[in-house]
Amino acid sequence: MPHRSKLTFNTNATYFLVGCLGGIGRCLTAWMIKRGTRRFTFMSRPGLGNKQTASWIHGLEARGITCQITKGDASNKSDIDVAIHDWQTSIAPKALAAMNLDQAFAEIDIDFFVFTSSTSGILGTPGQANYAAGNSFLDNLARNCMARGQHAVSLVLPMVQSVGVVAENPEIEAALRRKGIYGINETHLLEALEAAIATQATTTPADHIVVGMDPSKLKSSLSRSDFTDSFWIEDARFKAVPQAIDSRGSSDNSSGFTILKAIQEASLLQVSVGLVSEHFITKLCRLLMLEPDCL
């Protein structure tokens, strides 16, 4: 028999799955992950309609898999159009705009070209696979530009606290802080931009510069009492980070250990079930930035 080559998927691509939130779909998803897939968009009529599905998606995201859930019926063409439009709305300002600019300057010897990316392309962003994919695209486009002998760098930024969307929406900042992520101010932002421009004039330019992953500052972020949604720290790619910043002690005080202790001390099964249910709903609402009454 001829040798059968092993199929692998593009780690930088996003795969659109219709349905696939049930048993067979989860089996397929797990197989695709083993073969390299890191990003999914699921289209389903109920969406995250039950706790089991939401828990499964949260588990994927904790492993660094980005998932976008679109509620819709594939038999209705307008639902498909809406799903694609929602995806492109977030992708276009980054991916398509950057591609157009790259093509426009292809024959021009420019001094520098800076893409403002986000750490979501590295860490992932639960529930926002399209945003994470757009930033990951910028990182790879900068690398591609350099391979072609052109100036380009992707400046990978964390949340910026003093200006921009996060500064104008305190609830977003609170949600990001709960994930153990720290932010930078306007001064740090401009210093990072200066470094991104300056590196392109050197003999060994970088294709991307990551800001906001300083071990000492991450340690401080992870030690806060409001640090509860550590999806990225459970990703196998970042297993060395807690060891590097010696955060084991602070992690023991996180809500994950508090709820475990409460369950162990519960005298009745009904009490344990209630604790787990309340904890799960709280985590899910924080993940989706919803009020508990919405579920």
C-alpha atoms as a PDB file:
ATOM      1  CA  MET A   1       0.000   0.000   0.000  1.00  0.00           C
ATOM      2  CA  PRO A   2       1.247   3.527  -0.749  1.00  0.00           C
ATOM      3  CA  HIS A   3       2.385   5.569   2.230  1.00  0.00           C
ATOM      4  CA  ARG A   4      -0.371   7.890   3.425  1.00  0.00           C
ATOM      5  CA  SER A   5       0.860  11.346   4.342  1.00  0.00           C
ATOM      6  CA  LYS A   6      -0.378  12.860   7.592  1.00  0.00           C
ATOM      7  CA  LEU A   7      -2.791  15.739   7.076  1.00  0.00           C
ATOM      8  CA  THR A   8      -1.966  18.944   8.944  1.00  0.00           C
ATOM      9  CA  PHE A   9      -3.863  22.227   9.208  1.00  0.00           C
ATOM     10  CA  ASN A  10      -2.579  25.782   8.912  1.00  0.00           C
ATOM     11  CA  THR A  11      -1.935  27.086  12.427  1.00  0.00           C
ATOM     12  CA  ASN A  12      -2.533  30.668  11.269  1.00  0.00           C
ATOM     13  CA  ALA A  13      -5.872  29.965   9.545  1.00  0.00           C
ATOM     14  CA  THR A  14      -9.359  30.054  11.047  1.00  0.00           C
ATOM     15  CA  TYR A  15     -11.648  27.113  10.263  1.00  0.00           C
ATOM     16  CA  PHE A  16     -15.393  27.642   9.919  1.00  0.00           C
ATOM     17  CA  LEU A  17     -17.438  24.743  11.335  1.00  0.00           C
ATOM     18  CA  VAL A  18     -21.214  24.552  11.025  1.00  0.00           C
ATOM     19  CA  GLY A  19     -22.716  22.871  14.061  1.00  0.00           C
ATOM     20  CA  CYS A  20     -19.933  20.724  15.512  1.00  0.00           C
ATOM     21  CA  LEU A  21     -20.760  21.588  19.133  1.00  0.00           C
ATOM     22  CA  GLY A  22     -22.095  18.086  19.850  1.00  0.00           C
ATOM     23  CA  GLY A  23     -20.291  14.804  20.382  1.00  0.00           C
ATOM     24  CA  ILE A  24     -19.115  14.173  16.814  1.00  0.00           C
ATOM     25  CA  GLY A  25     -18.240  17.831  16.309  1.00  0.00           C
ATOM     26  CA  ARG A  26     -16.152  17.881  19.477  1.00  0.00           C
ATOM     27  CA  CYS A  27     -14.333  14.757  18.332  1.00  0.00           C
ATOM     28  CA  LEU A  28     -13.609  16.453  14.992  1.00  0.00           C
ATOM     29  CA  THR A  29     -12.458  19.621  16.746  1.00  0.00           C
ATOM     30  CA  ALA A  30     -10.081  17.691  19.022  1.00  0.00           C
ATOM     31  CA  TRP A  31      -8.597  15.922  15.996  1.00  0.00           C
ATOM     32  CA  MET A  32      -8.113  19.204  14.126  1.00  0.00           C
ATOM     33  CA  ILE A  33      -6.348  20.680  17.158  1.00  0.00           C
ATOM     34  CA  LYS A  34      -3.962  17.716  17.225  1.00  0.00           C
ATOM     35  CA  ARG A  35      -3.231  18.388  13.569  1.00  0.00           C
ATOM     36  CA  GLY A  36      -2.365  22.051  14.113  1.00  0.00           C
ATOM     37  CA  THR A  37      -5.601  24.082  14.167  1.00  0.00           C
ATOM     38  CA  ARG A  38      -5.574  26.975  16.658  1.00  0.00           C
ATOM     39  CA  ARG A  39      -8.622  29.012  15.579  1.00  0.00           C
ATOM     40  CA  PHE A  40     -12.253  28.074  15.008  1.00  0.00           C
ATOM     41  CA  THR A  41     -15.507  29.793  14.158  1.00  0.00           C
ATOM     42  CA  PHE A  42     -18.542  27.699  15.098  1.00  0.00           C
ATOM     43  CA  MET A  43     -21.956  28.464  13.635  1.00  0.00           C
ATOM     44  CA  SER A  44     -24.802  26.877  15.579  1.00  0.00           C
ATOM     45  CA  ARG A  45     -28.495  27.537  16.038  1.00  0.00           C
ATOM     46  CA  PRO A  46     -28.395  27.482  19.869  1.00  0.00           C
ATOM     47  CA  GLY A  47     -24.914  29.019  20.080  1.00  0.00           C
ATOM     48  CA  LEU A  48     -23.672  28.792  23.663  1.00  0.00           C
ATOM     49  CA  GLY A  49     -27.126  27.616  24.619  1.00  0.00           C
ATOM     50  CA  ASN A  50     -26.176  25.259  27.433  1.00  0.00           C
ATOM     51  CA  LYS A  51     -23.611  25.061  30.213  1.00  0.00           C
ATOM     52  CA  GLN A  52     -21.978  21.924  28.817  1.00  0.00           C
ATOM     53  CA  THR A  53     -21.153  23.621  25.523  1.00  0.00           C
ATOM     54  CA  ALA A  54     -19.954  26.777  27.265  1.00  0.00           C
ATOM     55  CA  SER A  55     -17.737  24.714  29.569  1.00  0.00           C
ATOM     56  CA  TRP A  56     -16.233  22.856  26.593  1.00  0.00           C
ATOM     57  CA  ILE A  57     -15.493  26.098  24.742  1.00  0.00           C
ATOM     58  CA  HIS A  58     -13.945  27.582  27.881  1.00  0.00           C
ATOM     59  CA  GLY A  59     -11.736  24.484  28.142  1.00  0.00           C
ATOM     60  CA  LEU A  60     -10.521  24.959  24.572  1.00  0.00           C
ATOM     61  CA  GLU A  61      -9.757  28.610  25.184  1.00  0.00           C
ATOM     62  CA  ALA A  62      -7.847  27.729  28.354  1.00  0.00           C
ATOM     63  CA  ARG A  63      -5.570  25.650  26.121  1.00  0.00           C
ATOM     64  CA  GLY A  64      -4.892  28.621  23.854  1.00  0.00           C
ATOM     65  CA  ILE A  65      -7.466  27.762  21.175  1.00  0.00           C
ATOM     66  CA  THR A  66      -9.388  30.828  19.973  1.00  0.00           C
ATOM     67  CA  CYS A  67     -13.091  30.239  19.355  1.00  0.00           C
ATOM     68  CA  GLN A  68     -15.742  32.478  17.837  1.00  0.00           C
ATOM     69  CA  ILE A  69     -19.335  31.341  18.379  1.00  0.00           C
ATOM     70  CA  THR A  70     -21.928  32.632  15.921  1.00  0.00           C
ATOM     71  CA  LYS A  71     -25.586  31.933  16.583  1.00  0.00           C
ATOM     72  CA  GLY A  72     -27.390  31.186  13.335  1.00  0.00           C
ATOM     73  CA  ASP A  73     -29.016  28.645  11.044  1.00  0.00           C
ATOM     74  CA  ALA A  74     -26.903  27.536   8.083  1.00  0.00           C
ATOM     75  CA  SER A  75     -30.084  26.745   6.135  1.00  0.00           C
ATOM     76  CA  ASN A  76     -30.821  30.483   6.223  1.00  0.00           C
ATOM     77  CA  LYS A  77     -28.462  32.272   3.824  1.00  0.00           C
ATOM     78  CA  SER A  78     -28.871  35.587   5.604  1.00  0.00           C
ATOM     79  CA  ASP A  79     -27.535  34.023   8.821  1.00  0.00           C
ATOM     80  CA  ILE A  80     -24.422  32.877   6.964  1.00  0.00           C
ATOM     81  CA  ASP A  81     -23.986  36.336   5.447  1.00  0.00           C
ATOM     82  CA  VAL A  82     -24.258  37.894   8.917  1.00  0.00           C
ATOM     83  CA  ALA A  83     -21.685  35.462  10.332  1.00  0.00           C
ATOM     84  CA  ILE A  84     -19.190  36.237   7.573  1.00  0.00           C
ATOM     85  CA  HIS A  85     -19.877  39.978   7.884  1.00  0.00           C
ATOM     86  CA  ASP A  86     -19.324  39.900  11.663  1.00  0.00           C
ATOM     87  CA  TRP A  87     -16.028  38.129  11.129  1.00  0.00           C
ATOM     88  CA  GLN A  88     -14.852  40.505   8.420  1.00  0.00           C
ATOM     89  CA  THR A  89     -15.884  43.585  10.406  1.00  0.00           C
ATOM     90  CA  SER A  90     -13.144  42.851  12.922  1.00  0.00           C
ATOM     91  CA  ILE A  91     -10.627  41.398  10.462  1.00  0.00           C
ATOM     92  CA  ALA A  92     -10.801  44.071   7.743  1.00  0.00           C
ATOM     93  CA  PRO A  93      -9.342  47.062   9.664  1.00  0.00           C
ATOM     94  CA  LYS A  94      -6.238  45.039  10.412  1.00  0.00           C
ATOM     95  CA  ALA A  95      -5.650  42.306   7.827  1.00  0.00           C
ATOM     96  CA  LEU A  96      -7.140  43.828   4.671  1.00  0.00           C
ATOM     97  CA  ALA A  97      -5.949  47.349   5.439  1.00  0.00           C
ATOM     98  CA  ALA A  98      -2.407  46.116   6.123  1.00  0.00           C
ATOM     99  CA  MET A  99      -2.387  44.072   2.904  1.00  0.00           C
ATOM    100  CA  ASN A 100      -3.506  47.088   0.877  1.00  0.00           C
ATOM    101  CA  LEU A 101      -0.805  49.268   2.413  1.00  0.00           C
ATOM    102  CA  ASP A 102       1.827  46.582   1.857  1.00  0.00           C
ATOM    103  CA  GLN A 103       0.903  46.355  -1.824  1.00  0.00           C
ATOM    104  CA  ALA A 104       0.816  50.146  -2.200  1.00  0.00           C
ATOM    105  CA  PHE A 105       4.356  50.530  -0.821  1.00  0.00           C
ATOM    106  CA  ALA A 106       5.778  47.390  -2.453  1.00  0.00           C
ATOM    107  CA  GLU A 107       7.873  49.346  -4.966  1.00  0.00           C
ATOM    108  CA  ILE A 108       8.727  52.251  -2.653  1.00  0.00           C
ATOM    109  CA  ASP A 109      11.791  52.318  -0.400  1.00  0.00           C
ATOM    110  CA  ILE A 110      10.142  53.410   2.840  1.00  0.00           C
ATOM    111  CA  ASP A 111      12.127  54.127   6.023  1.00  0.00           C
ATOM    112  CA  PHE A 112       9.831  52.247   8.377  1.00  0.00           C
ATOM    113  CA  PHE A 113       6.468  50.473   8.499  1.00  0.00           C
ATOM    114  CA  VAL A 114       4.843  49.775  11.897  1.00  0.00           C
ATOM    115  CA  PHE A 115       1.787  47.564  12.449  1.00  0.00           C
ATOM    116  CA  THR A 116       0.077  48.048  15.821  1.00  0.00           C
ATOM    117  CA  SER A 117      -0.819  44.527  16.874  1.00  0.00           C
ATOM    118  CA  SER A 118      -2.049  43.110  20.190  1.00  0.00           C
ATOM    119  CA  THR A 119      -0.995  40.460  22.686  1.00  0.00           C
ATOM    120  CA  SER A 120      -4.315  38.774  21.872  1.00  0.00           C
ATOM    121  CA  GLY A 121      -2.589  37.372  18.795  1.00  0.00           C
ATOM    122  CA  ILE A 122      -0.166  35.582  21.128  1.00  0.00           C
ATOM    123  CA  LEU A 123      -2.306  34.830  24.171  1.00  0.00           C
ATOM    124  CA  GLY A 124      -5.632  34.472  22.383  1.00  0.00           C
ATOM    125  CA  THR A 125      -8.845  36.259  23.343  1.00  0.00           C
ATOM    126  CA  PRO A 126     -11.744  34.078  24.559  1.00  0.00           C
ATOM    127  CA  GLY A 127     -14.828  34.733  22.452  1.00  0.00           C
ATOM    128  CA  GLN A 128     -12.968  37.008  20.015  1.00  0.00           C
ATOM    129  CA  ALA A 129     -11.177  34.672  17.619  1.00  0.00           C
ATOM    130  CA  ASN A 130     -11.538  37.157  14.765  1.00  0.00           C
ATOM    131  CA  TYR A 131      -9.750  39.920  16.679  1.00  0.00           C
ATOM    132  CA  ALA A 132      -6.959  37.556  17.723  1.00  0.00           C
ATOM    133  CA  ALA A 133      -6.637  36.275  14.147  1.00  0.00           C
ATOM    134  CA  GLY A 134      -6.358  39.812  12.776  1.00  0.00           C
ATOM    135  CA  ASN A 135      -3.485  40.598  15.114  1.00  0.00           C
ATOM    136  CA  SER A 136      -1.758  37.300  14.403  1.00  0.00           C
ATOM    137  CA  PHE A 137      -1.992  38.159  10.701  1.00  0.00           C
ATOM    138  CA  LEU A 138      -0.170  41.448  11.302  1.00  0.00           C
ATOM    139  CA  ASP A 139       2.642  39.633  13.114  1.00  0.00           C
ATOM    140  CA  ASN A 140       3.094  37.247  10.202  1.00  0.00           C
ATOM    141  CA  LEU A 141       2.771  39.962   7.557  1.00  0.00           C
ATOM    142  CA  ALA A 142       5.625  41.892   9.174  1.00  0.00           C
ATOM    143  CA  ARG A 143       7.753  38.749   9.055  1.00  0.00           C
ATOM    144  CA  ASN A 144       6.823  38.247   5.406  1.00  0.00           C
ATOM    145  CA  CYS A 145       7.750  41.845   4.557  1.00  0.00           C
ATOM    146  CA  MET A 146      11.173  41.431   6.113  1.00  0.00           C
ATOM    147  CA  ALA A 147      11.713  38.173   4.208  1.00  0.00           C
ATOM    148  CA  ARG A 148      11.107  40.192   1.020  1.00  0.00           C
ATOM    149  CA  GLY A 149      13.702  42.753   2.066  1.00  0.00           C
ATOM    150  CA  GLN A 150      11.193  45.443   3.086  1.00  0.00           C
ATOM    151  CA  HIS A 151      11.054  47.432   6.310  1.00  0.00           C
ATOM    152  CA  ALA A 152       8.260  46.320   8.643  1.00  0.00           C
ATOM    153  CA  VAL A 153       7.709  45.529  12.302  1.00  0.00           C
ATOM    154  CA  SER A 154       4.658  44.426  14.258  1.00  0.00           C
ATOM    155  CA  LEU A 155       4.389  46.245  17.588  1.00  0.00           C
ATOM    156  CA  VAL A 156       2.521  43.824  19.871  1.00  0.00           C
ATOM    157  CA  LEU A 157       0.772  45.882  22.548  1.00  0.00           C
ATOM    158  CA  PRO A 158      -1.111  45.007  25.753  1.00  0.00           C
ATOM    159  CA  MET A 159      -4.019  47.110  26.967  1.00  0.00           C
ATOM    160  CA  VAL A 160      -3.249  50.837  26.987  1.00  0.00           C
ATOM    161  CA  GLN A 161      -4.808  52.372  30.075  1.00  0.00           C
ATOM    162  CA  SER A 162      -4.499  56.111  29.612  1.00  0.00           C
ATOM    163  CA  VAL A 163      -5.825  56.514  26.045  1.00  0.00           C
ATOM    164  CA  GLY A 164      -8.013  54.563  23.643  1.00  0.00           C
ATOM    165  CA  VAL A 165     -10.788  51.995  24.004  1.00  0.00           C
ATOM    166  CA  VAL A 166      -9.707  50.561  27.373  1.00  0.00           C
ATOM    167  CA  ALA A 167      -9.383  54.019  28.936  1.00  0.00           C
ATOM    168  CA  GLU A 168     -12.900  54.852  27.744  1.00  0.00           C
ATOM    169  CA  ASN A 169     -14.435  51.551  28.924  1.00  0.00           C
ATOM    170  CA  PRO A 170     -13.558  50.662  32.544  1.00  0.00           C
ATOM    171  CA  GLU A 171     -15.412  47.350  32.288  1.00  0.00           C
ATOM    172  CA  ILE A 172     -12.997  46.179  29.578  1.00  0.00           C
ATOM    173  CA  GLU A 173     -10.007  47.093  31.729  1.00  0.00           C
ATOM    174  CA  ALA A 174     -11.517  45.196  34.672  1.00  0.00           C
ATOM    175  CA  ALA A 175     -12.092  42.120  32.493  1.00  0.00           C
ATOM    176  CA  LEU A 176      -8.493  42.188  31.223  1.00  0.00           C
ATOM    177  CA  ARG A 177      -7.089  42.655  34.715  1.00  0.00           C
ATOM    178  CA  ARG A 178      -8.952  39.565  35.892  1.00  0.00           C
ATOM    179  CA  LYS A 179      -7.004  37.625  33.278  1.00  0.00           C
ATOM    180  CA  GLY A 180      -3.721  38.541  34.966  1.00  0.00           C
ATOM    181  CA  ILE A 181      -2.769  41.011  32.230  1.00  0.00           C
ATOM    182  CA  TYR A 182      -1.270  44.392  33.045  1.00  0.00           C
ATOM    183  CA  GLY A 183      -1.451  47.567  30.987  1.00  0.00           C
ATOM    184  CA  ILE A 184       0.869  50.357  29.901  1.00  0.00           C
ATOM    185  CA  ASN A 185       0.437  54.120  29.914  1.00  0.00           C
ATOM    186  CA  GLU A 186       0.800  56.642  27.112  1.00  0.00           C
ATOM    187  CA  THR A 187       4.487  57.250  27.837  1.00  0.00           C
ATOM    188  CA  HIS A 188       5.308  53.541  27.634  1.00  0.00           C
ATOM    189  CA  LEU A 189       3.298  53.316  24.406  1.00  0.00           C
ATOM    190  CA  LEU A 190       5.328  56.078  22.755  1.00  0.00           C
ATOM    191  CA  GLU A 191       8.600  54.564  23.965  1.00  0.00           C
ATOM    192  CA  ALA A 192       7.589  51.243  22.398  1.00  0.00           C
ATOM    193  CA  LEU A 193       6.693  53.004  19.141  1.00  0.00           C
ATOM    194  CA  GLU A 194      10.093  54.715  19.124  1.00  0.00           C
ATOM    195  CA  ALA A 195      11.823  51.346  19.599  1.00  0.00           C
ATOM    196  CA  ALA A 196       9.773  49.824  16.770  1.00  0.00           C
ATOM    197  CA  ILE A 197      10.824  52.603  14.391  1.00  0.00           C
ATOM    198  CA  ALA A 198      14.463  52.617  15.517  1.00  0.00           C
ATOM    199  CA  THR A 199      14.974  48.868  15.069  1.00  0.00           C
ATOM    200  CA  GLN A 200      14.254  49.163  11.344  1.00  0.00           C
ATOM    201  CA  ALA A 201      17.356  51.300  10.859  1.00  0.00           C
ATOM    202  CA  THR A 202      19.676  48.696  12.404  1.00  0.00           C
ATOM    203  CA  THR A 203      21.533  45.846  10.713  1.00  0.00           C
ATOM    204  CA  THR A 204      19.550  43.285  12.720  1.00  0.00           C
ATOM    205  CA  PRO A 205      15.949  44.569  12.755  1.00  0.00           C
ATOM    206  CA  ALA A 206      13.198  42.693  14.593  1.00  0.00           C
ATOM    207  CA  ASP A 207      10.041  41.671  12.744  1.00  0.00           C
ATOM    208  CA  HIS A 208       7.942  42.058  15.885  1.00  0.00           C
ATOM    209  CA  ILE A 209       8.350  43.593  19.339  1.00  0.00           C
ATOM    210  CA  VAL A 210       6.222  42.331  22.230  1.00  0.00           C
ATOM    211  CA  VAL A 211       5.256  44.828  24.936  1.00  0.00           C
ATOM    212  CA  GLY A 212       3.420  44.015  28.148  1.00  0.00           C
ATOM    213  CA  MET A 213       4.885  40.618  29.006  1.00  0.00           C
ATOM    214  CA  ASP A 214       7.490  41.737  31.543  1.00  0.00           C
ATOM    215  CA  PRO A 215       7.901  38.874  34.087  1.00  0.00           C
ATOM    216  CA  SER A 216       8.137  41.118  37.157  1.00  0.00           C
ATOM    217  CA  LYS A 217       4.989  43.027  36.203  1.00  0.00           C
ATOM    218  CA  LEU A 218       3.148  39.823  35.327  1.00  0.00           C
ATOM    219  CA  LYS A 219       4.034  38.509  38.771  1.00  0.00           C
ATOM    220  CA  SER A 220       2.469  41.586  40.332  1.00  0.00           C
ATOM    221  CA  SER A 221      -0.649  41.171  38.169  1.00  0.00           C
ATOM    222  CA  LEU A 222      -1.006  37.501  39.073  1.00  0.00           C
ATOM    223  CA  SER A 223      -0.766  38.275  42.790  1.00  0.00           C
ATOM    224  CA  ARG A 224      -3.798  40.577  42.814  1.00  0.00           C
ATOM    225  CA  SER A 225      -6.922  39.347  44.576  1.00  0.00           C
ATOM    226  CA  ASP A 226      -9.078  40.091  41.509  1.00  0.00           C
ATOM    227  CA  PHE A 227      -6.989  37.779  39.299  1.00  0.00           C
ATOM    228  CA  THR A 228      -9.493  35.007  38.531  1.00  0.00           C
ATOM    229  CA  ASP A 229      -9.710  34.263  34.788  1.00  0.00           C
ATOM    230  CA  SER A 230      -6.278  32.871  33.973  1.00  0.00           C
ATOM    231  CA  PHE A 231      -7.074  31.292  30.593  1.00  0.00           C
ATOM    232  CA  TRP A 232      -3.634  32.038  29.129  1.00  0.00           C
ATOM    233  CA  ILE A 233      -1.602  30.711  32.029  1.00  0.00           C
ATOM    234  CA  GLU A 234      -3.180  27.284  31.489  1.00  0.00           C
ATOM    235  CA  ASP A 235      -1.957  27.219  27.885  1.00  0.00           C
ATOM    236  CA  ALA A 236       0.864  24.689  27.461  1.00  0.00           C
ATOM    237  CA  ARG A 237       2.884  27.300  25.563  1.00  0.00           C
ATOM    238  CA  PHE A 238       3.068  29.456  28.703  1.00  0.00           C
ATOM    239  CA  LYS A 239       3.607  26.758  31.323  1.00  0.00           C
ATOM    240  CA  ALA A 240       7.127  28.047  31.937  1.00  0.00           C
ATOM    241  CA  VAL A 241       5.917  31.572  32.719  1.00  0.00           C
ATOM    242  CA  PRO A 242       4.608  30.885  36.253  1.00  0.00           C
ATOM    243  CA  GLN A 243       7.872  29.115  37.077  1.00  0.00           C
ATOM    244  CA  ALA A 244       9.966  31.913  35.604  1.00  0.00           C
ATOM    245  CA  ILE A 245       8.207  34.579  37.639  1.00  0.00           C
ATOM    246  CA  ASP A 246       7.824  32.375  40.727  1.00  0.00           C
ATOM    247  CA  SER A 247       4.072  32.958  40.890  1.00  0.00           C
ATOM    248  CA  ARG A 248       3.131  29.629  42.453  1.00  0.00           C
ATOM    249  CA  GLY A 249       2.482  31.170  45.838  1.00  0.00           C
ATOM    250  CA  SER A 250       0.254  33.945  44.515  1.00  0.00           C
ATOM    251  CA  SER A 251      -1.670  31.509  42.322  1.00  0.00           C
ATOM    252  CA  ASP A 252      -2.634  29.503  45.394  1.00  0.00           C
ATOM    253  CA  ASN A 253      -4.707  32.476  46.508  1.00  0.00           C
ATOM    254  CA  SER A 254      -6.692  32.719  43.282  1.00  0.00           C
ATOM    255  CA  SER A 255     -10.410  31.942  43.257  1.00  0.00           C
ATOM    256  CA  GLY A 256      -9.807  28.559  41.621  1.00  0.00           C
ATOM    257  CA  PHE A 257      -8.229  27.301  44.847  1.00  0.00           C
ATOM    258  CA  THR A 258     -10.794  29.080  47.014  1.00  0.00           C
ATOM    259  CA  ILE A 259     -13.719  27.341  45.327  1.00  0.00           C
ATOM    260  CA  LEU A 260     -11.949  23.973  45.567  1.00  0.00           C
ATOM    261  CA  LYS A 261     -11.453  24.418  49.291  1.00  0.00           C
ATOM    262  CA  ALA A 262     -15.086  25.466  49.724  1.00  0.00           C
ATOM    263  CA  ILE A 263     -16.293  22.352  47.873  1.00  0.00           C
ATOM    264  CA  GLN A 264     -14.080  20.092  49.966  1.00  0.00           C
ATOM    265  CA  GLU A 265     -15.445  21.610  53.158  1.00  0.00           C
ATOM    266  CA  ALA A 266     -19.098  21.425  52.068  1.00  0.00           C
ATOM    267  CA  SER A 267     -21.071  18.970  54.186  1.00  0.00           C
ATOM    268  CA  LEU A 268     -23.885  18.332  51.689  1.00  0.00           C
ATOM    269  CA  LEU A 269     -23.853  17.416  48.006  1.00  0.00           C
ATOM    270  CA  GLN A 270     -26.462  20.079  47.278  1.00  0.00           C
ATOM    271  CA  VAL A 271     -24.171  22.730  48.750  1.00  0.00           C
ATOM    272  CA  SER A 272     -21.273  21.582  46.560  1.00  0.00           C
ATOM    273  CA  VAL A 273     -23.468  21.633  43.452  1.00  0.00           C
ATOM    274  CA  GLY A 274     -24.644  25.130  44.300  1.00  0.00           C
ATOM    275  CA  LEU A 275     -21.081  26.364  44.781  1.00  0.00           C
ATOM    276  CA  VAL A 276     -19.940  24.886  41.474  1.00  0.00           C
ATOM    277  CA  SER A 277     -22.954  26.305  39.624  1.00  0.00           C
ATOM    278  CA  GLU A 278     -22.481  29.789  41.063  1.00  0.00           C
ATOM    279  CA  HIS A 279     -18.739  29.733  40.355  1.00  0.00           C
ATOM    280  CA  PHE A 280     -19.273  28.551  36.778  1.00  0.00           C
ATOM    281  CA  ILE A 281     -21.910  31.208  36.025  1.00  0.00           C
ATOM    282  CA  THR A 282     -19.678  33.930  37.482  1.00  0.00           C
ATOM    283  CA  LYS A 283     -16.704  32.825  35.378  1.00  0.00           C
ATOM    284  CA  LEU A 284     -18.831  32.555  32.235  1.00  0.00           C
ATOM    285  CA  CYS A 285     -20.329  36.022  32.729  1.00  0.00           C
ATOM    286  CA  ARG A 286     -16.891  37.529  33.224  1.00  0.00           C
ATOM    287  CA  LEU A 287     -15.612  35.761  30.134  1.00  0.00           C
ATOM    288  CA  LEU A 288     -18.494  37.083  28.016  1.00  0.00           C
ATOM    289  CA  MET A 289     -18.669  40.412  29.893  1.00  0.00           C
ATOM    290  CA  LEU A 290     -22.312  39.837  30.809  1.00  0.00           C
ATOM    291  CA  GLU A 291     -24.326  40.405  33.954  1.00  0.00           C
ATOM    292  CA  PRO A 292     -25.303  37.161  35.773  1.00  0.00           C
ATOM    293  CA  ASP A 293     -28.988  37.980  35.234  1.00  0.00           C
ATOM    294  CA  CYS A 294     -28.469  37.612  31.467  1.00  0.00           C
ATOM    295  CA  LEU A 295     -27.986  33.837  31.789  1.00  0.00           C
END
